[in-house]
Amino acid sequence: MQLNEHSALERLAALGLDDMPVMEYTPKHCILESDWFKKYSTLRHEFLSSLSDSLEEIAFMNLPQDEFIGLITGQSLPENLSIRFKIPLLWGGELSIDNMFLCFTFPHSYNLDRFIIEQSDAKTVFLPNPERKIYLTTHTGGGGAGGNSASDRLSQSAFNFMSGRGNE
């Protein structure tokens, strides 16, 4: 299905991703190098470790403390979180942190797959292009002026961990 920017944004809105920015892209069909997965595994760890600059977004995910710490230290990816490529590798995307973002597997990653697959026969496609390393819909944010106790608790846990103070 060939979309234009307006119809791409409408389709994303229908999939519950109404605040996802897009980029127009012409797919370049590529063959992956034989060692791509080894490189990806290393890059995946580097990407997860780089998330320490995204503590506020991670706090809004309301992860249990052990999963929160595992994520920001690059040790583990919690269940229902996916690392995605903005430009798929088979369409010419690079194995780089700048081409990656994190989102919930269900429903976000699942719906992004649907969105991309629907465009698989198009000459020009529109791909997700979140501004930050972590994509959360505006519906996920919250807390308002009164704060968010889960956010506050996880932010304090992260501060304690990063400052070497442990679980005080």
N, C-alpha and C. Protein backbone atom coordinates (compact mmCIF):
# COMPACT_ATOMS: atom_id res chain seq x y z
N MET A 1 0.85 -1.17 0.00
CA MET A 1 0.00 0.00 0.00
C MET A 1 0.89 1.24 0.00
N GLN A 2 0.70 2.11 -0.96
CA GLN A 2 1.47 3.35 -1.03
C GLN A 2 0.75 4.42 -0.21
N LEU A 3 1.45 4.96 0.78
CA LEU A 3 0.90 6.00 1.64
C LEU A 3 1.57 7.33 1.34
N ASN A 4 0.90 8.41 1.71
CA ASN A 4 1.57 9.70 1.78
C ASN A 4 1.72 10.02 3.27
N GLU A 5 2.37 11.11 3.60
CA GLU A 5 2.62 11.38 5.01
C GLU A 5 1.32 11.49 5.82
N HIS A 6 0.33 12.16 5.25
CA HIS A 6 -0.95 12.32 5.95
C HIS A 6 -1.62 10.97 6.21
N SER A 7 -1.67 10.12 5.18
CA SER A 7 -2.33 8.81 5.36
C SER A 7 -1.50 7.91 6.28
N ALA A 8 -0.17 8.06 6.28
CA ALA A 8 0.67 7.28 7.19
C ALA A 8 0.37 7.66 8.64
N LEU A 9 0.26 8.96 8.90
CA LEU A 9 -0.04 9.41 10.26
C LEU A 9 -1.45 9.00 10.68
N GLU A 10 -2.39 9.01 9.75
CA GLU A 10 -3.75 8.54 10.05
C GLU A 10 -3.74 7.06 10.40
N ARG A 11 -2.97 6.27 9.65
CA ARG A 11 -2.90 4.83 9.90
C ARG A 11 -2.27 4.57 11.27
N LEU A 12 -1.21 5.29 11.59
CA LEU A 12 -0.59 5.14 12.91
C LEU A 12 -1.57 5.52 14.02
N ALA A 13 -2.35 6.56 13.82
CA ALA A 13 -3.35 6.96 14.81
C ALA A 13 -4.37 5.84 15.01
N ALA A 14 -4.78 5.21 13.93
CA ALA A 14 -5.73 4.10 14.02
C ALA A 14 -5.13 2.92 14.79
N LEU A 15 -3.81 2.81 14.77
CA LEU A 15 -3.11 1.73 15.48
C LEU A 15 -2.74 2.14 16.91
N GLY A 16 -3.19 3.31 17.35
CA GLY A 16 -2.92 3.77 18.71
C GLY A 16 -1.58 4.45 18.87
N LEU A 17 -0.96 4.86 17.77
CA LEU A 17 0.35 5.49 17.79
C LEU A 17 0.24 6.89 17.20
N ASP A 18 -0.73 7.66 17.69
CA ASP A 18 -1.05 8.94 17.08
C ASP A 18 0.00 10.02 17.26
N ASP A 19 1.00 9.78 18.10
CA ASP A 19 2.05 10.78 18.30
C ASP A 19 3.42 10.29 17.78
N MET A 20 3.41 9.25 16.96
CA MET A 20 4.66 8.71 16.41
C MET A 20 5.06 9.51 15.17
N PRO A 21 6.21 10.20 15.22
CA PRO A 21 6.68 10.88 14.01
C PRO A 21 7.14 9.84 12.98
N VAL A 22 7.09 10.24 11.72
CA VAL A 22 7.52 9.33 10.66
C VAL A 22 8.58 10.01 9.79
N MET A 23 9.30 9.19 9.06
CA MET A 23 10.23 9.68 8.05
C MET A 23 9.92 8.95 6.75
N GLU A 24 10.02 9.66 5.66
CA GLU A 24 9.84 9.05 4.35
C GLU A 24 11.15 8.38 3.97
N TYR A 25 11.06 7.18 3.40
CA TYR A 25 12.26 6.42 3.11
C TYR A 25 12.02 5.55 1.88
N THR A 26 13.03 5.45 1.03
CA THR A 26 12.99 4.55 -0.11
C THR A 26 13.81 3.31 0.25
N PRO A 27 13.15 2.16 0.40
CA PRO A 27 13.87 0.95 0.80
C PRO A 27 14.94 0.55 -0.21
N LYS A 28 16.07 0.14 0.34
CA LYS A 28 17.17 -0.40 -0.46
C LYS A 28 17.31 -1.86 -0.01
N HIS A 29 16.93 -2.78 -0.84
CA HIS A 29 16.97 -4.19 -0.45
C HIS A 29 18.42 -4.63 -0.29
N CYS A 30 18.74 -5.13 0.88
CA CYS A 30 20.11 -5.48 1.24
C CYS A 30 20.21 -6.93 1.69
N ILE A 31 21.40 -7.43 1.61
CA ILE A 31 21.71 -8.75 2.16
C ILE A 31 22.58 -8.52 3.39
N LEU A 32 22.19 -9.15 4.47
CA LEU A 32 22.93 -8.96 5.73
C LEU A 32 24.24 -9.74 5.69
N GLU A 33 25.25 -9.17 6.33
CA GLU A 33 26.53 -9.87 6.46
C GLU A 33 26.34 -11.08 7.36
N SER A 34 27.17 -12.08 7.18
CA SER A 34 27.01 -13.32 7.94
C SER A 34 27.19 -13.12 9.45
N ASP A 35 27.93 -12.10 9.85
CA ASP A 35 28.16 -11.87 11.29
C ASP A 35 27.25 -10.79 11.87
N TRP A 36 26.15 -10.46 11.18
CA TRP A 36 25.28 -9.37 11.62
C TRP A 36 24.74 -9.61 13.03
N PHE A 37 24.39 -10.84 13.36
CA PHE A 37 23.77 -11.08 14.66
C PHE A 37 24.79 -10.90 15.80
N LYS A 38 26.01 -11.29 15.56
CA LYS A 38 27.07 -11.07 16.56
C LYS A 38 27.24 -9.57 16.80
N LYS A 39 27.29 -8.80 15.73
CA LYS A 39 27.41 -7.34 15.85
C LYS A 39 26.18 -6.76 16.55
N TYR A 40 24.99 -7.28 16.20
CA TYR A 40 23.76 -6.80 16.82
C TYR A 40 23.76 -7.08 18.32
N SER A 41 24.22 -8.25 18.72
CA SER A 41 24.25 -8.60 20.14
C SER A 41 25.12 -7.63 20.93
N THR A 42 26.25 -7.27 20.38
CA THR A 42 27.13 -6.29 21.03
C THR A 42 26.47 -4.93 21.07
N LEU A 43 25.89 -4.52 19.95
CA LEU A 43 25.23 -3.23 19.87
C LEU A 43 24.02 -3.16 20.80
N ARG A 44 23.30 -4.26 20.93
CA ARG A 44 22.14 -4.32 21.82
C ARG A 44 22.56 -3.99 23.25
N HIS A 45 23.65 -4.57 23.70
CA HIS A 45 24.16 -4.29 25.05
C HIS A 45 24.56 -2.81 25.17
N GLU A 46 25.23 -2.30 24.16
CA GLU A 46 25.62 -0.88 24.17
C GLU A 46 24.40 0.03 24.20
N PHE A 47 23.37 -0.32 23.42
CA PHE A 47 22.15 0.48 23.40
C PHE A 47 21.48 0.48 24.77
N LEU A 48 21.33 -0.69 25.36
CA LEU A 48 20.70 -0.75 26.68
C LEU A 48 21.51 0.04 27.70
N SER A 49 22.82 -0.05 27.65
CA SER A 49 23.67 0.71 28.58
C SER A 49 23.53 2.21 28.36
N SER A 50 23.23 2.62 27.14
CA SER A 50 23.10 4.04 26.83
C SER A 50 21.79 4.64 27.36
N LEU A 51 20.89 3.81 27.84
CA LEU A 51 19.59 4.29 28.31
C LEU A 51 19.65 5.01 29.65
N SER A 52 20.82 5.07 30.26
CA SER A 52 20.93 5.78 31.54
C SER A 52 20.63 7.28 31.38
N ASP A 53 20.62 7.77 30.14
CA ASP A 53 20.25 9.17 29.91
C ASP A 53 18.74 9.31 29.66
N SER A 54 18.00 8.23 29.83
CA SER A 54 16.55 8.23 29.58
C SER A 54 15.78 7.77 30.82
N LEU A 55 16.26 8.13 31.99
CA LEU A 55 15.65 7.64 33.23
C LEU A 55 14.21 8.07 33.39
N GLU A 56 13.88 9.28 32.96
CA GLU A 56 12.50 9.76 33.12
C GLU A 56 11.54 8.90 32.31
N GLU A 57 11.90 8.61 31.05
CA GLU A 57 11.03 7.78 30.22
C GLU A 57 10.91 6.37 30.80
N ILE A 58 12.03 5.82 31.27
CA ILE A 58 12.00 4.48 31.84
C ILE A 58 11.12 4.45 33.08
N ALA A 59 11.18 5.50 33.89
CA ALA A 59 10.36 5.55 35.11
C ALA A 59 8.87 5.47 34.77
N PHE A 60 8.45 6.08 33.65
CA PHE A 60 7.05 6.03 33.26
C PHE A 60 6.62 4.65 32.78
N MET A 61 7.57 3.75 32.58
CA MET A 61 7.22 2.39 32.18
C MET A 61 6.74 1.56 33.37
N ASN A 62 6.96 2.08 34.58
CA ASN A 62 6.52 1.40 35.81
C ASN A 62 7.05 -0.03 35.92
N LEU A 63 8.34 -0.20 35.67
CA LEU A 63 8.97 -1.50 35.77
C LEU A 63 9.28 -1.81 37.23
N PRO A 64 9.27 -3.09 37.60
CA PRO A 64 9.77 -3.43 38.93
C PRO A 64 11.24 -3.01 39.06
N GLN A 65 11.68 -2.76 40.26
CA GLN A 65 13.02 -2.21 40.48
C GLN A 65 14.12 -3.07 39.87
N ASP A 66 14.04 -4.40 40.01
CA ASP A 66 15.10 -5.26 39.47
C ASP A 66 15.16 -5.18 37.94
N GLU A 67 13.99 -5.07 37.28
CA GLU A 67 13.97 -4.92 35.82
C GLU A 67 14.48 -3.55 35.40
N PHE A 68 14.14 -2.53 36.17
CA PHE A 68 14.61 -1.17 35.93
C PHE A 68 16.14 -1.13 35.97
N ILE A 69 16.72 -1.68 37.01
CA ILE A 69 18.19 -1.70 37.17
C ILE A 69 18.82 -2.54 36.07
N GLY A 70 18.25 -3.71 35.78
CA GLY A 70 18.77 -4.55 34.71
C GLY A 70 18.78 -3.84 33.36
N LEU A 71 17.74 -3.06 33.12
CA LEU A 71 17.64 -2.33 31.86
C LEU A 71 18.70 -1.23 31.75
N ILE A 72 18.81 -0.38 32.77
CA ILE A 72 19.74 0.75 32.65
C ILE A 72 21.20 0.34 32.76
N THR A 73 21.46 -0.87 33.28
CA THR A 73 22.84 -1.35 33.31
C THR A 73 23.19 -2.17 32.07
N GLY A 74 22.20 -2.37 31.20
CA GLY A 74 22.45 -3.13 29.98
C GLY A 74 22.51 -4.62 30.19
N GLN A 75 22.06 -5.10 31.35
CA GLN A 75 22.15 -6.52 31.67
C GLN A 75 20.98 -7.33 31.13
N SER A 76 19.80 -6.71 31.06
CA SER A 76 18.63 -7.48 30.62
C SER A 76 17.58 -6.56 30.01
N LEU A 77 16.79 -7.16 29.15
CA LEU A 77 15.67 -6.47 28.52
C LEU A 77 14.40 -7.07 29.12
N PRO A 78 13.65 -6.28 29.88
CA PRO A 78 12.44 -6.82 30.51
C PRO A 78 11.44 -7.35 29.49
N GLU A 79 10.62 -8.29 29.95
CA GLU A 79 9.55 -8.84 29.14
C GLU A 79 8.63 -7.72 28.68
N ASN A 80 8.12 -7.82 27.49
CA ASN A 80 7.22 -6.86 26.84
C ASN A 80 7.91 -5.56 26.44
N LEU A 81 9.22 -5.57 26.33
CA LEU A 81 9.94 -4.44 25.75
C LEU A 81 10.71 -4.96 24.54
N SER A 82 10.74 -4.15 23.50
CA SER A 82 11.44 -4.53 22.26
C SER A 82 12.38 -3.43 21.82
N ILE A 83 13.52 -3.85 21.30
CA ILE A 83 14.43 -2.92 20.63
C ILE A 83 14.09 -2.99 19.15
N ARG A 84 13.83 -1.83 18.57
CA ARG A 84 13.45 -1.75 17.16
C ARG A 84 14.46 -0.92 16.39
N PHE A 85 14.52 -1.20 15.11
CA PHE A 85 15.30 -0.37 14.20
C PHE A 85 14.35 0.61 13.53
N LYS A 86 14.77 1.87 13.46
CA LYS A 86 13.96 2.86 12.74
C LYS A 86 13.89 2.48 11.26
N ILE A 87 15.04 2.16 10.68
CA ILE A 87 15.11 1.67 9.31
C ILE A 87 15.53 0.21 9.40
N PRO A 88 14.66 -0.72 8.96
CA PRO A 88 15.01 -2.14 9.04
C PRO A 88 16.31 -2.45 8.32
N LEU A 89 17.08 -3.37 8.88
CA LEU A 89 18.37 -3.73 8.30
C LEU A 89 18.23 -4.22 6.86
N LEU A 90 17.20 -4.99 6.58
CA LEU A 90 17.01 -5.51 5.22
C LEU A 90 16.61 -4.43 4.22
N TRP A 91 16.28 -3.23 4.71
CA TRP A 91 15.96 -2.10 3.83
C TRP A 91 17.06 -1.07 3.83
N GLY A 92 18.23 -1.42 4.32
CA GLY A 92 19.36 -0.51 4.28
C GLY A 92 19.67 0.19 5.58
N GLY A 93 18.99 -0.17 6.65
CA GLY A 93 19.26 0.42 7.96
C GLY A 93 20.62 0.01 8.49
N GLU A 94 21.19 0.87 9.30
CA GLU A 94 22.53 0.61 9.84
C GLU A 94 22.45 -0.01 11.23
N LEU A 95 23.45 -0.82 11.53
CA LEU A 95 23.60 -1.34 12.88
C LEU A 95 24.25 -0.24 13.71
N SER A 96 23.42 0.66 14.26
CA SER A 96 23.93 1.75 15.07
C SER A 96 22.88 2.14 16.11
N ILE A 97 23.35 2.69 17.20
CA ILE A 97 22.44 3.13 18.26
C ILE A 97 21.49 4.20 17.73
N ASP A 98 21.95 5.04 16.82
CA ASP A 98 21.10 6.09 16.25
C ASP A 98 19.93 5.53 15.45
N ASN A 99 20.00 4.27 15.06
CA ASN A 99 18.94 3.63 14.29
C ASN A 99 18.04 2.76 15.17
N MET A 100 18.17 2.87 16.48
CA MET A 100 17.43 2.00 17.39
C MET A 100 16.55 2.81 18.34
N PHE A 101 15.49 2.17 18.78
CA PHE A 101 14.67 2.72 19.86
C PHE A 101 14.00 1.58 20.60
N LEU A 102 13.55 1.87 21.80
CA LEU A 102 12.92 0.90 22.67
C LEU A 102 11.44 1.26 22.80
N CYS A 103 10.59 0.25 22.79
CA CYS A 103 9.16 0.48 23.01
C CYS A 103 8.54 -0.78 23.60
N PHE A 104 7.31 -0.67 24.05
CA PHE A 104 6.58 -1.85 24.51
C PHE A 104 6.34 -2.77 23.32
N THR A 105 6.52 -4.08 23.53
CA THR A 105 6.28 -5.05 22.47
C THR A 105 4.81 -5.04 22.08
N PHE A 106 3.96 -5.17 23.08
CA PHE A 106 2.52 -5.13 22.83
C PHE A 106 1.93 -3.96 23.59
N PRO A 107 1.26 -3.10 22.90
CA PRO A 107 0.83 -3.18 21.51
C PRO A 107 1.73 -2.44 20.52
N HIS A 108 2.70 -1.63 21.00
CA HIS A 108 3.42 -0.72 20.10
C HIS A 108 4.24 -1.43 19.02
N SER A 109 5.15 -2.32 19.41
CA SER A 109 6.00 -2.98 18.43
C SER A 109 5.16 -3.82 17.47
N TYR A 110 4.18 -4.50 18.02
CA TYR A 110 3.27 -5.30 17.21
C TYR A 110 2.58 -4.43 16.15
N ASN A 111 2.07 -3.29 16.56
CA ASN A 111 1.37 -2.40 15.62
C ASN A 111 2.33 -1.74 14.63
N LEU A 112 3.56 -1.46 15.05
CA LEU A 112 4.55 -0.92 14.11
C LEU A 112 4.89 -1.96 13.05
N ASP A 113 4.97 -3.23 13.43
CA ASP A 113 5.19 -4.29 12.43
C ASP A 113 4.05 -4.29 11.41
N ARG A 114 2.83 -4.22 11.88
CA ARG A 114 1.68 -4.18 10.97
C ARG A 114 1.79 -3.00 10.01
N PHE A 115 2.11 -1.84 10.55
CA PHE A 115 2.23 -0.61 9.76
C PHE A 115 3.29 -0.76 8.67
N ILE A 116 4.44 -1.32 9.01
CA ILE A 116 5.53 -1.47 8.04
C ILE A 116 5.20 -2.55 7.01
N ILE A 117 4.68 -3.67 7.46
CA ILE A 117 4.35 -4.76 6.53
C ILE A 117 3.29 -4.32 5.52
N GLU A 118 2.34 -3.51 5.96
CA GLU A 118 1.31 -3.01 5.03
C GLU A 118 1.91 -2.19 3.90
N GLN A 119 3.10 -1.66 4.09
CA GLN A 119 3.75 -0.83 3.07
C GLN A 119 4.81 -1.59 2.28
N SER A 120 4.93 -2.89 2.49
CA SER A 120 6.05 -3.65 1.93
C SER A 120 6.14 -3.63 0.41
N ASP A 121 5.04 -3.35 -0.28
CA ASP A 121 5.09 -3.32 -1.75
C ASP A 121 5.21 -1.90 -2.30
N ALA A 122 5.34 -0.91 -1.43
CA ALA A 122 5.42 0.49 -1.87
C ALA A 122 6.84 0.87 -2.26
N LYS A 123 6.95 1.82 -3.18
CA LYS A 123 8.27 2.31 -3.58
C LYS A 123 8.87 3.22 -2.51
N THR A 124 8.02 3.99 -1.88
CA THR A 124 8.43 4.88 -0.78
C THR A 124 7.60 4.51 0.43
N VAL A 125 8.26 4.37 1.58
CA VAL A 125 7.56 3.99 2.80
C VAL A 125 7.73 5.07 3.85
N PHE A 126 6.88 5.01 4.84
CA PHE A 126 6.99 5.89 6.00
C PHE A 126 7.32 5.01 7.18
N LEU A 127 8.40 5.35 7.85
CA LEU A 127 8.89 4.55 8.96
C LEU A 127 8.82 5.33 10.26
N PRO A 128 8.66 4.63 11.38
CA PRO A 128 8.64 5.31 12.67
C PRO A 128 9.97 6.01 12.91
N ASN A 129 9.88 7.21 13.47
CA ASN A 129 11.09 7.98 13.70
C ASN A 129 10.98 8.75 15.02
N PRO A 130 10.92 8.02 16.15
CA PRO A 130 10.80 8.72 17.43
C PRO A 130 12.04 9.58 17.69
N GLU A 131 11.83 10.69 18.39
CA GLU A 131 12.92 11.63 18.67
C GLU A 131 13.86 11.11 19.74
N ARG A 132 13.37 10.27 20.62
CA ARG A 132 14.17 9.79 21.74
C ARG A 132 14.46 8.30 21.60
N LYS A 133 15.31 7.79 22.48
CA LYS A 133 15.67 6.38 22.44
C LYS A 133 14.53 5.48 22.90
N ILE A 134 13.60 6.05 23.66
CA ILE A 134 12.47 5.28 24.17
C ILE A 134 11.20 5.92 23.65
N TYR A 135 10.34 5.10 23.05
CA TYR A 135 9.06 5.60 22.58
C TYR A 135 7.97 5.21 23.57
N LEU A 136 7.33 6.22 24.11
CA LEU A 136 6.13 6.05 24.93
C LEU A 136 5.07 6.96 24.34
N THR A 137 3.87 6.47 24.18
CA THR A 137 2.82 7.33 23.68
C THR A 137 2.52 8.40 24.73
N THR A 138 1.93 9.49 24.30
CA THR A 138 1.57 10.54 25.25
C THR A 138 0.57 10.02 26.26
N HIS A 139 -0.13 8.95 25.92
CA HIS A 139 -1.11 8.35 26.84
C HIS A 139 -0.40 7.63 27.98
N THR A 140 0.88 7.26 27.79
CA THR A 140 1.64 6.54 28.81
C THR A 140 2.14 7.48 29.88
N GLY A 141 2.53 8.70 29.49
CA GLY A 141 3.04 9.67 30.46
C GLY A 141 1.96 9.97 31.48
N GLY A 142 2.35 10.66 32.49
CA GLY A 142 1.30 10.95 33.47
C GLY A 142 1.90 11.50 34.73
N GLY A 143 1.12 11.46 35.74
CA GLY A 143 1.58 11.93 37.03
C GLY A 143 1.14 13.34 37.29
N GLY A 144 1.13 14.18 36.27
CA GLY A 144 0.70 15.56 36.44
C GLY A 144 1.54 16.30 37.46
N ALA A 145 1.01 17.41 37.95
CA ALA A 145 1.74 18.26 38.89
C ALA A 145 1.96 17.57 40.23
N GLY A 146 1.11 16.60 40.54
CA GLY A 146 1.23 15.92 41.83
C GLY A 146 2.31 14.87 41.86
N GLY A 147 2.90 14.54 40.73
CA GLY A 147 3.96 13.54 40.69
C GLY A 147 3.41 12.15 40.47
N ASN A 148 4.30 11.22 40.32
CA ASN A 148 3.96 9.84 40.07
C ASN A 148 4.80 9.02 41.02
N SER A 149 4.17 8.37 41.98
CA SER A 149 4.94 7.67 43.01
C SER A 149 5.85 6.61 42.42
N ALA A 150 5.38 5.88 41.39
CA ALA A 150 6.25 4.88 40.78
C ALA A 150 7.45 5.56 40.12
N SER A 151 7.19 6.68 39.44
CA SER A 151 8.26 7.43 38.80
C SER A 151 9.25 7.93 39.85
N ASP A 152 8.73 8.49 40.93
CA ASP A 152 9.59 9.02 41.98
C ASP A 152 10.43 7.92 42.61
N ARG A 153 9.79 6.77 42.87
CA ARG A 153 10.49 5.65 43.50
C ARG A 153 11.59 5.13 42.59
N LEU A 154 11.30 4.94 41.31
CA LEU A 154 12.29 4.42 40.39
C LEU A 154 13.40 5.43 40.13
N SER A 155 13.05 6.70 40.06
CA SER A 155 14.07 7.72 39.87
C SER A 155 15.04 7.72 41.05
N GLN A 156 14.51 7.59 42.26
CA GLN A 156 15.37 7.54 43.45
C GLN A 156 16.23 6.28 43.43
N SER A 157 15.64 5.14 43.03
CA SER A 157 16.41 3.90 42.94
C SER A 157 17.54 4.05 41.94
N ALA A 158 17.24 4.65 40.79
CA ALA A 158 18.27 4.85 39.76
C ALA A 158 19.37 5.77 40.28
N PHE A 159 18.98 6.85 40.95
CA PHE A 159 19.97 7.76 41.51
C PHE A 159 20.87 7.03 42.50
N ASN A 160 20.27 6.25 43.39
CA ASN A 160 21.05 5.51 44.37
C ASN A 160 22.00 4.54 43.69
N PHE A 161 21.50 3.83 42.66
CA PHE A 161 22.33 2.86 41.96
C PHE A 161 23.49 3.54 41.25
N MET A 162 23.18 4.62 40.50
CA MET A 162 24.20 5.31 39.72
C MET A 162 25.23 6.00 40.61
N SER A 163 24.82 6.39 41.81
CA SER A 163 25.76 7.06 42.72
C SER A 163 26.50 6.08 43.61
N GLY A 164 26.21 4.76 43.41
CA GLY A 164 26.92 3.74 44.18
C GLY A 164 26.39 3.55 45.58
N ARG A 165 25.19 4.07 45.87
CA ARG A 165 24.65 3.97 47.22
C ARG A 165 23.76 2.75 47.41
N GLY A 166 23.53 1.98 46.34
CA GLY A 166 22.71 0.77 46.49
C GLY A 166 21.28 1.07 46.80
N ASN A 167 20.64 0.16 47.52
CA ASN A 167 19.22 0.32 47.86
C ASN A 167 19.07 0.92 49.25
N GLU A 168 19.27 2.22 49.33
CA GLU A 168 19.10 2.88 50.63
C GLU A 168 17.68 3.28 50.84
